[in-house]
Amino acid sequence: MEAVFVQVVNLSIAASWLVLVVMVLRVVFRRAPKWIFCLLWGLVALRLVCPFSIESALSLIPSAHTLPPEIMAARAMICRSEMRPSTP
């Protein structure tokens, strides 16, 4: 079950990169036809719905594993912070 969770997180991170690219393209190409933006958002929707990943040496993210599977076996970090009242 943990492997499935890590895989879903990795696919979501890859899809978020695609969302950022589409948002930047919308700002850069404001005068482009509206159907192009619909097509780009359709690609984002397809990426979110279909759980697959294409790896390439030419890709900006060459590995499909943004988070390594060993992250679930790592010890949990404990952060203790104490807020003390200031003394006058």
PDB file of N, CA and C in Angstrom:
ATOM      1  N   MET A   1       0.819  -1.189   0.000  1.00  0.00           N
ATOM      2  CA  MET A   1       0.000   0.000   0.000  1.00  0.00           C
ATOM      3  C   MET A   1       0.869   1.261   0.000  1.00  0.00           C
ATOM      4  N   GLU A   2       2.006   1.177   0.696  1.00  0.00           N
ATOM      5  CA  GLU A   2       2.904   2.329   0.747  1.00  0.00           C
ATOM      6  C   GLU A   2       3.510   2.614  -0.625  1.00  0.00           C
ATOM      7  N   ALA A   3       3.787   1.550  -1.379  1.00  0.00           N
ATOM      8  CA  ALA A   3       4.351   1.736  -2.721  1.00  0.00           C
ATOM      9  C   ALA A   3       3.344   2.428  -3.633  1.00  0.00           C
ATOM     10  N   VAL A   4       2.070   2.105  -3.478  1.00  0.00           N
ATOM     11  CA  VAL A   4       1.036   2.758  -4.280  1.00  0.00           C
ATOM     12  C   VAL A   4       0.957   4.236  -3.919  1.00  0.00           C
ATOM     13  N   PHE A   5       1.048   4.536  -2.629  1.00  0.00           N
ATOM     14  CA  PHE A   5       1.000   5.922  -2.189  1.00  0.00           C
ATOM     15  C   PHE A   5       2.168   6.722  -2.768  1.00  0.00           C
ATOM     16  N   VAL A   6       3.371   6.171  -2.719  1.00  0.00           N
ATOM     17  CA  VAL A   6       4.543   6.865  -3.267  1.00  0.00           C
ATOM     18  C   VAL A   6       4.389   7.055  -4.764  1.00  0.00           C
ATOM     19  N   GLN A   7       3.855   6.057  -5.461  1.00  0.00           N
ATOM     20  CA  GLN A   7       3.639   6.168  -6.901  1.00  0.00           C
ATOM     21  C   GLN A   7       2.639   7.269  -7.226  1.00  0.00           C
ATOM     22  N   VAL A   8       1.552   7.355  -6.461  1.00  0.00           N
ATOM     23  CA  VAL A   8       0.545   8.399  -6.690  1.00  0.00           C
ATOM     24  C   VAL A   8       1.141   9.776  -6.417  1.00  0.00           C
ATOM     25  N   VAL A   9       1.947   9.891  -5.379  1.00  0.00           N
ATOM     26  CA  VAL A   9       2.600  11.175  -5.087  1.00  0.00           C
ATOM     27  C   VAL A   9       3.538  11.563  -6.219  1.00  0.00           C
ATOM     28  N   ASN A  10       4.307  10.617  -6.725  1.00  0.00           N
ATOM     29  CA  ASN A  10       5.217  10.910  -7.838  1.00  0.00           C
ATOM     30  C   ASN A  10       4.464  11.354  -9.083  1.00  0.00           C
ATOM     31  N   LEU A  11       3.361  10.696  -9.399  1.00  0.00           N
ATOM     32  CA  LEU A  11       2.574  11.089 -10.568  1.00  0.00           C
ATOM     33  C   LEU A  11       1.926  12.452 -10.361  1.00  0.00           C
ATOM     34  N   SER A  12       1.521  12.746  -9.147  1.00  0.00           N
ATOM     35  CA  SER A  12       0.934  14.056  -8.864  1.00  0.00           C
ATOM     36  C   SER A  12       1.966  15.172  -8.987  1.00  0.00           C
ATOM     37  N   ILE A  13       3.181  14.915  -8.565  1.00  0.00           N
ATOM     38  CA  ILE A  13       4.247  15.915  -8.711  1.00  0.00           C
ATOM     39  C   ILE A  13       4.530  16.175 -10.179  1.00  0.00           C
ATOM     40  N   ALA A  14       4.576  15.119 -10.976  1.00  0.00           N
ATOM     41  CA  ALA A  14       4.807  15.286 -12.414  1.00  0.00           C
ATOM     42  C   ALA A  14       3.654  16.066 -13.059  1.00  0.00           C
ATOM     43  N   ALA A  15       2.429  15.800 -12.634  1.00  0.00           N
ATOM     44  CA  ALA A  15       1.286  16.537 -13.177  1.00  0.00           C
ATOM     45  C   ALA A  15       1.315  17.997 -12.750  1.00  0.00           C
ATOM     46  N   SER A  16       1.808  18.262 -11.555  1.00  0.00           N
ATOM     47  CA  SER A  16       1.891  19.655 -11.113  1.00  0.00           C
ATOM     48  C   SER A  16       2.897  20.445 -11.938  1.00  0.00           C
ATOM     49  N   TRP A  17       3.957  19.794 -12.393  1.00  0.00           N
ATOM     50  CA  TRP A  17       4.895  20.470 -13.302  1.00  0.00           C
ATOM     51  C   TRP A  17       4.195  20.834 -14.605  1.00  0.00           C
ATOM     52  N   LEU A  18       3.350  19.944 -15.100  1.00  0.00           N
ATOM     53  CA  LEU A  18       2.609  20.227 -16.327  1.00  0.00           C
ATOM     54  C   LEU A  18       1.625  21.372 -16.124  1.00  0.00           C
ATOM     55  N   VAL A  19       0.997  21.435 -14.961  1.00  0.00           N
ATOM     56  CA  VAL A  19       0.091  22.546 -14.650  1.00  0.00           C
ATOM     57  C   VAL A  19       0.860  23.868 -14.662  1.00  0.00           C
ATOM     58  N   LEU A  20       2.044  23.877 -14.062  1.00  0.00           N
ATOM     59  CA  LEU A  20       2.862  25.102 -14.063  1.00  0.00           C
ATOM     60  C   LEU A  20       3.244  25.526 -15.479  1.00  0.00           C
ATOM     61  N   VAL A  21       3.574  24.568 -16.320  1.00  0.00           N
ATOM     62  CA  VAL A  21       3.929  24.880 -17.711  1.00  0.00           C
ATOM     63  C   VAL A  21       2.736  25.489 -18.435  1.00  0.00           C
ATOM     64  N   VAL A  22       1.552  24.920 -18.238  1.00  0.00           N
ATOM     65  CA  VAL A  22       0.350  25.448 -18.902  1.00  0.00           C
ATOM     66  C   VAL A  22       0.048  26.855 -18.403  1.00  0.00           C
ATOM     67  N   MET A  23       0.216  27.095 -17.121  1.00  0.00           N
ATOM     68  CA  MET A  23      -0.053  28.430 -16.590  1.00  0.00           C
ATOM     69  C   MET A  23       0.925  29.463 -17.149  1.00  0.00           C
ATOM     70  N   VAL A  24       2.182  29.084 -17.290  1.00  0.00           N
ATOM     71  CA  VAL A  24       3.167  30.003 -17.879  1.00  0.00           C
ATOM     72  C   VAL A  24       2.840  30.249 -19.348  1.00  0.00           C
ATOM     73  N   LEU A  25       2.462  29.207 -20.067  1.00  0.00           N
ATOM     74  CA  LEU A  25       2.109  29.379 -21.480  1.00  0.00           C
ATOM     75  C   LEU A  25       0.881  30.270 -21.648  1.00  0.00           C
ATOM     76  N   ARG A  26      -0.052  30.205 -20.729  1.00  0.00           N
ATOM     77  CA  ARG A  26      -1.226  31.092 -20.798  1.00  0.00           C
ATOM     78  C   ARG A  26      -0.820  32.550 -20.663  1.00  0.00           C
ATOM     79  N   VAL A  27       0.143  32.818 -19.799  1.00  0.00           N
ATOM     80  CA  VAL A  27       0.594  34.197 -19.609  1.00  0.00           C
ATOM     81  C   VAL A  27       1.387  34.673 -20.824  1.00  0.00           C
ATOM     82  N   VAL A  28       2.233  33.807 -21.353  1.00  0.00           N
ATOM     83  CA  VAL A  28       3.095  34.189 -22.480  1.00  0.00           C
ATOM     84  C   VAL A  28       2.275  34.377 -23.754  1.00  0.00           C
ATOM     85  N   PHE A  29       1.360  33.464 -24.018  1.00  0.00           N
ATOM     86  CA  PHE A  29       0.586  33.509 -25.257  1.00  0.00           C
ATOM     87  C   PHE A  29      -0.854  33.947 -24.977  1.00  0.00           C
ATOM     88  N   ARG A  30      -1.030  35.162 -24.558  1.00  0.00           N
ATOM     89  CA  ARG A  30      -2.374  35.652 -24.238  1.00  0.00           C
ATOM     90  C   ARG A  30      -3.258  35.761 -25.468  1.00  0.00           C
ATOM     91  N   ARG A  31      -2.668  36.045 -26.600  1.00  0.00           N
ATOM     92  CA  ARG A  31      -3.447  36.258 -27.829  1.00  0.00           C
ATOM     93  C   ARG A  31      -3.717  34.976 -28.608  1.00  0.00           C
ATOM     94  N   ALA A  32      -3.301  33.844 -28.079  1.00  0.00           N
ATOM     95  CA  ALA A  32      -3.515  32.571 -28.774  1.00  0.00           C
ATOM     96  C   ALA A  32      -4.999  32.215 -28.758  1.00  0.00           C
ATOM     97  N   PRO A  33      -5.439  31.434 -29.728  1.00  0.00           N
ATOM     98  CA  PRO A  33      -6.852  31.017 -29.753  1.00  0.00           C
ATOM     99  C   PRO A  33      -7.217  30.218 -28.504  1.00  0.00           C
ATOM    100  N   LYS A  34      -8.467  30.333 -28.101  1.00  0.00           N
ATOM    101  CA  LYS A  34      -8.927  29.686 -26.867  1.00  0.00           C
ATOM    102  C   LYS A  34      -8.873  28.172 -26.952  1.00  0.00           C
ATOM    103  N   TRP A  35      -8.997  27.601 -28.135  1.00  0.00           N
ATOM    104  CA  TRP A  35      -9.008  26.152 -28.252  1.00  0.00           C
ATOM    105  C   TRP A  35      -7.650  25.561 -27.885  1.00  0.00           C
ATOM    106  N   ILE A  36      -6.602  26.335 -28.048  1.00  0.00           N
ATOM    107  CA  ILE A  36      -5.266  25.842 -27.677  1.00  0.00           C
ATOM    108  C   ILE A  36      -5.175  25.670 -26.167  1.00  0.00           C
ATOM    109  N   PHE A  37      -5.742  26.628 -25.427  1.00  0.00           N
ATOM    110  CA  PHE A  37      -5.717  26.517 -23.974  1.00  0.00           C
ATOM    111  C   PHE A  37      -6.593  25.361 -23.497  1.00  0.00           C
ATOM    112  N   CYS A  38      -7.707  25.152 -24.172  1.00  0.00           N
ATOM    113  CA  CYS A  38      -8.555  24.001 -23.834  1.00  0.00           C
ATOM    114  C   CYS A  38      -7.808  22.694 -24.082  1.00  0.00           C
ATOM    115  N   LEU A  39      -7.052  22.634 -25.162  1.00  0.00           N
ATOM    116  CA  LEU A  39      -6.258  21.451 -25.470  1.00  0.00           C
ATOM    117  C   LEU A  39      -5.179  21.227 -24.415  1.00  0.00           C
ATOM    118  N   LEU A  40      -4.514  22.303 -23.991  1.00  0.00           N
ATOM    119  CA  LEU A  40      -3.473  22.174 -22.970  1.00  0.00           C
ATOM    120  C   LEU A  40      -4.048  21.704 -21.636  1.00  0.00           C
ATOM    121  N   TRP A  41      -5.194  22.259 -21.232  1.00  0.00           N
ATOM    122  CA  TRP A  41      -5.814  21.812 -19.989  1.00  0.00           C
ATOM    123  C   TRP A  41      -6.335  20.385 -20.125  1.00  0.00           C
ATOM    124  N   GLY A  42      -6.707  19.986 -21.342  1.00  0.00           N
ATOM    125  CA  GLY A  42      -7.094  18.596 -21.572  1.00  0.00           C
ATOM    126  C   GLY A  42      -5.926  17.649 -21.364  1.00  0.00           C
ATOM    127  N   LEU A  43      -4.730  18.091 -21.767  1.00  0.00           N
ATOM    128  CA  LEU A  43      -3.531  17.282 -21.524  1.00  0.00           C
ATOM    129  C   LEU A  43      -3.268  17.143 -20.026  1.00  0.00           C
ATOM    130  N   VAL A  44      -3.484  18.224 -19.291  1.00  0.00           N
ATOM    131  CA  VAL A  44      -3.312  18.159 -17.835  1.00  0.00           C
ATOM    132  C   VAL A  44      -4.316  17.180 -17.239  1.00  0.00           C
ATOM    133  N   ALA A  45      -5.569  17.244 -17.677  1.00  0.00           N
ATOM    134  CA  ALA A  45      -6.592  16.329 -17.171  1.00  0.00           C
ATOM    135  C   ALA A  45      -6.245  14.880 -17.510  1.00  0.00           C
ATOM    136  N   LEU A  46      -5.759  14.653 -18.719  1.00  0.00           N
ATOM    137  CA  LEU A  46      -5.359  13.303 -19.121  1.00  0.00           C
ATOM    138  C   LEU A  46      -4.209  12.805 -18.252  1.00  0.00           C
ATOM    139  N   ARG A  47      -3.281  13.677 -17.945  1.00  0.00           N
ATOM    140  CA  ARG A  47      -2.129  13.318 -17.107  1.00  0.00           C
ATOM    141  C   ARG A  47      -2.572  12.959 -15.692  1.00  0.00           C
ATOM    142  N   LEU A  48      -3.588  13.669 -15.190  1.00  0.00           N
ATOM    143  CA  LEU A  48      -4.074  13.381 -13.841  1.00  0.00           C
ATOM    144  C   LEU A  48      -4.915  12.103 -13.785  1.00  0.00           C
ATOM    145  N   VAL A  49      -5.617  11.802 -14.868  1.00  0.00           N
ATOM    146  CA  VAL A  49      -6.504  10.638 -14.874  1.00  0.00           C
ATOM    147  C   VAL A  49      -5.759   9.350 -15.196  1.00  0.00           C
ATOM    148  N   CYS A  50      -4.860   9.401 -16.162  1.00  0.00           N
ATOM    149  CA  CYS A  50      -4.145   8.196 -16.600  1.00  0.00           C
ATOM    150  C   CYS A  50      -2.831   8.064 -15.835  1.00  0.00           C
ATOM    151  N   PRO A  51      -2.696   7.013 -15.038  1.00  0.00           N
ATOM    152  CA  PRO A  51      -1.486   6.851 -14.230  1.00  0.00           C
ATOM    153  C   PRO A  51      -0.338   6.190 -14.999  1.00  0.00           C
ATOM    154  N   PHE A  52       0.312   6.963 -15.842  1.00  0.00           N
ATOM    155  CA  PHE A  52       1.471   6.450 -16.550  1.00  0.00           C
ATOM    156  C   PHE A  52       2.536   7.533 -16.566  1.00  0.00           C
ATOM    157  N   SER A  53       3.751   7.114 -16.806  1.00  0.00           N
ATOM    158  CA  SER A  53       4.851   8.066 -16.848  1.00  0.00           C
ATOM    159  C   SER A  53       5.800   7.667 -17.963  1.00  0.00           C
ATOM    160  N   ILE A  54       6.216   8.645 -18.737  1.00  0.00           N
ATOM    161  CA  ILE A  54       7.155   8.409 -19.831  1.00  0.00           C
ATOM    162  C   ILE A  54       8.503   8.984 -19.413  1.00  0.00           C
ATOM    163  N   GLU A  55       9.517   8.136 -19.371  1.00  0.00           N
ATOM    164  CA  GLU A  55      10.841   8.578 -18.990  1.00  0.00           C
ATOM    165  C   GLU A  55      11.666   8.840 -20.247  1.00  0.00           C
ATOM    166  N   SER A  56      12.454   9.916 -20.201  1.00  0.00           N
ATOM    167  CA  SER A  56      13.284  10.272 -21.335  1.00  0.00           C
ATOM    168  C   SER A  56      14.543  10.947 -20.838  1.00  0.00           C
ATOM    169  N   ALA A  57      15.634  10.745 -21.540  1.00  0.00           N
ATOM    170  CA  ALA A  57      16.884  11.409 -21.182  1.00  0.00           C
ATOM    171  C   ALA A  57      16.819  12.888 -21.529  1.00  0.00           C
ATOM    172  N   LEU A  58      15.928  13.270 -22.436  1.00  0.00           N
ATOM    173  CA  LEU A  58      15.799  14.663 -22.849  1.00  0.00           C
ATOM    174  C   LEU A  58      14.772  15.428 -22.030  1.00  0.00           C
ATOM    175  N   SER A  59      14.109  14.750 -21.118  1.00  0.00           N
ATOM    176  CA  SER A  59      13.066  15.373 -20.326  1.00  0.00           C
ATOM    177  C   SER A  59      13.661  16.281 -19.255  1.00  0.00           C
ATOM    178  N   LEU A  60      12.871  17.274 -18.835  1.00  0.00           N
ATOM    179  CA  LEU A  60      13.308  18.118 -17.729  1.00  0.00           C
ATOM    180  C   LEU A  60      13.298  17.353 -16.418  1.00  0.00           C
ATOM    181  N   ILE A  61      12.410  16.386 -16.309  1.00  0.00           N
ATOM    182  CA  ILE A  61      12.362  15.487 -15.158  1.00  0.00           C
ATOM    183  C   ILE A  61      12.607  14.081 -15.705  1.00  0.00           C
ATOM    184  N   PRO A  62      13.880  13.656 -15.838  1.00  0.00           N
ATOM    185  CA  PRO A  62      14.174  12.390 -16.510  1.00  0.00           C
ATOM    186  C   PRO A  62      13.723  11.148 -15.746  1.00  0.00           C
ATOM    187  N   SER A  63      13.508  11.251 -14.452  1.00  0.00           N
ATOM    188  CA  SER A  63      13.097  10.090 -13.677  1.00  0.00           C
ATOM    189  C   SER A  63      11.639  10.228 -13.266  1.00  0.00           C
ATOM    190  N   ALA A  64      10.929   9.139 -13.302  1.00  0.00           N
ATOM    191  CA  ALA A  64       9.533   9.158 -12.881  1.00  0.00           C
ATOM    192  C   ALA A  64       9.414   9.118 -11.364  1.00  0.00           C
ATOM    193  N   HIS A  65      10.515   8.829 -10.693  1.00  0.00           N
ATOM    194  CA  HIS A  65      10.507   8.706  -9.240  1.00  0.00           C
ATOM    195  C   HIS A  65      11.095   9.964  -8.607  1.00  0.00           C
ATOM    196  N   THR A  66      10.232  10.970  -8.416  1.00  0.00           N
ATOM    197  CA  THR A  66      10.666  12.195  -7.764  1.00  0.00           C
ATOM    198  C   THR A  66      10.967  11.917  -6.303  1.00  0.00           C
ATOM    199  N   LEU A  67      10.085  11.184  -5.665  1.00  0.00           N
ATOM    200  CA  LEU A  67      10.315  10.727  -4.300  1.00  0.00           C
ATOM    201  C   LEU A  67      10.764   9.277  -4.356  1.00  0.00           C
ATOM    202  N   PRO A  68      11.861   8.942  -3.715  1.00  0.00           N
ATOM    203  CA  PRO A  68      12.299   7.545  -3.741  1.00  0.00           C
ATOM    204  C   PRO A  68      11.380   6.676  -2.900  1.00  0.00           C
ATOM    205  N   PRO A  69      11.232   5.399  -3.268  1.00  0.00           N
ATOM    206  CA  PRO A  69      10.361   4.501  -2.491  1.00  0.00           C
ATOM    207  C   PRO A  69      10.851   4.300  -1.059  1.00  0.00           C
ATOM    208  N   GLU A  70      12.140   4.534  -0.802  1.00  0.00           N
ATOM    209  CA  GLU A  70      12.688   4.332   0.533  1.00  0.00           C
ATOM    210  C   GLU A  70      12.226   5.395   1.520  1.00  0.00           C
ATOM    211  N   ILE A  71      11.559   6.420   1.035  1.00  0.00           N
ATOM    212  CA  ILE A  71      11.148   7.507   1.920  1.00  0.00           C
ATOM    213  C   ILE A  71      10.139   7.030   2.954  1.00  0.00           C
ATOM    214  N   MET A  72       9.375   6.011   2.629  1.00  0.00           N
ATOM    215  CA  MET A  72       8.395   5.499   3.579  1.00  0.00           C
ATOM    216  C   MET A  72       9.068   4.692   4.687  1.00  0.00           C
ATOM    217  N   ALA A  73      10.261   4.167   4.435  1.00  0.00           N
ATOM    218  CA  ALA A  73      10.964   3.377   5.440  1.00  0.00           C
ATOM    219  C   ALA A  73      11.844   4.252   6.327  1.00  0.00           C
ATOM    220  N   ALA A  74      11.976   5.511   5.985  1.00  0.00           N
ATOM    221  CA  ALA A  74      12.833   6.400   6.773  1.00  0.00           C
ATOM    222  C   ALA A  74      12.189   6.668   8.130  1.00  0.00           C
ATOM    223  N   ARG A  75      13.046   6.953   9.077  1.00  0.00           N
ATOM    224  CA  ARG A  75      12.539   7.269  10.411  1.00  0.00           C
ATOM    225  C   ARG A  75      11.824   8.610  10.374  1.00  0.00           C
ATOM    226  N   ALA A  76      10.787   8.714  11.133  1.00  0.00           N
ATOM    227  CA  ALA A  76      10.029   9.961  11.191  1.00  0.00           C
ATOM    228  C   ALA A  76      10.835  11.012  11.936  1.00  0.00           C
ATOM    229  N   MET A  77      10.807  12.224  11.419  1.00  0.00           N
ATOM    230  CA  MET A  77      11.507  13.314  12.083  1.00  0.00           C
ATOM    231  C   MET A  77      10.581  13.917  13.136  1.00  0.00           C
ATOM    232  N   ILE A  78      11.120  14.153  14.281  1.00  0.00           N
ATOM    233  CA  ILE A  78      10.355  14.763  15.355  1.00  0.00           C
ATOM    234  C   ILE A  78      10.897  16.161  15.576  1.00  0.00           C
ATOM    235  N   CYS A  79      10.019  17.110  15.518  1.00  0.00           N
ATOM    236  CA  CYS A  79      10.406  18.505  15.716  1.00  0.00           C
ATOM    237  C   CYS A  79       9.708  19.015  16.964  1.00  0.00           C
ATOM    238  N   ARG A  80      10.490  19.317  17.957  1.00  0.00           N
ATOM    239  CA  ARG A  80       9.928  19.847  19.197  1.00  0.00           C
ATOM    240  C   ARG A  80      10.257  21.319  19.281  1.00  0.00           C
ATOM    241  N   SER A  81       9.274  22.097  19.453  1.00  0.00           N
ATOM    242  CA  SER A  81       9.527  23.522  19.619  1.00  0.00           C
ATOM    243  C   SER A  81       8.805  23.979  20.860  1.00  0.00           C
ATOM    244  N   GLU A  82       9.488  24.734  21.636  1.00  0.00           N
ATOM    245  CA  GLU A  82       8.903  25.234  22.877  1.00  0.00           C
ATOM    246  C   GLU A  82       8.839  26.752  22.782  1.00  0.00           C
ATOM    247  N   MET A  83       7.688  27.258  23.078  1.00  0.00           N
ATOM    248  CA  MET A  83       7.545  28.702  23.113  1.00  0.00           C
ATOM    249  C   MET A  83       7.530  29.121  24.578  1.00  0.00           C
ATOM    250  N   ARG A  84       8.498  29.887  24.926  1.00  0.00           N
ATOM    251  CA  ARG A  84       8.592  30.336  26.310  1.00  0.00           C
ATOM    252  C   ARG A  84       8.209  31.815  26.384  1.00  0.00           C
ATOM    253  N   PRO A  85       7.495  32.176  27.422  1.00  0.00           N
ATOM    254  CA  PRO A  85       7.148  33.595  27.553  1.00  0.00           C
ATOM    255  C   PRO A  85       8.406  34.423  27.821  1.00  0.00           C
ATOM    256  N   SER A  86       8.440  35.564  27.227  1.00  0.00           N
ATOM    257  CA  SER A  86       9.589  36.432  27.441  1.00  0.00           C
ATOM    258  C   SER A  86       9.522  37.047  28.829  1.00  0.00           C
ATOM    259  N   THR A  87      10.644  37.116  29.474  1.00  0.00           N
ATOM    260  CA  THR A  87      10.699  37.706  30.819  1.00  0.00           C
ATOM    261  C   THR A  87      11.094  39.166  30.696  1.00  0.00           C
ATOM    262  N   PRO A  88      10.396  40.024  31.427  1.00  0.00           N
ATOM    263  CA  PRO A  88      10.709  41.449  31.325  1.00  0.00           C
ATOM    264  C   PRO A  88      11.995  41.829  32.019  1.00  0.00           C
TER     265      PRO A  88
END
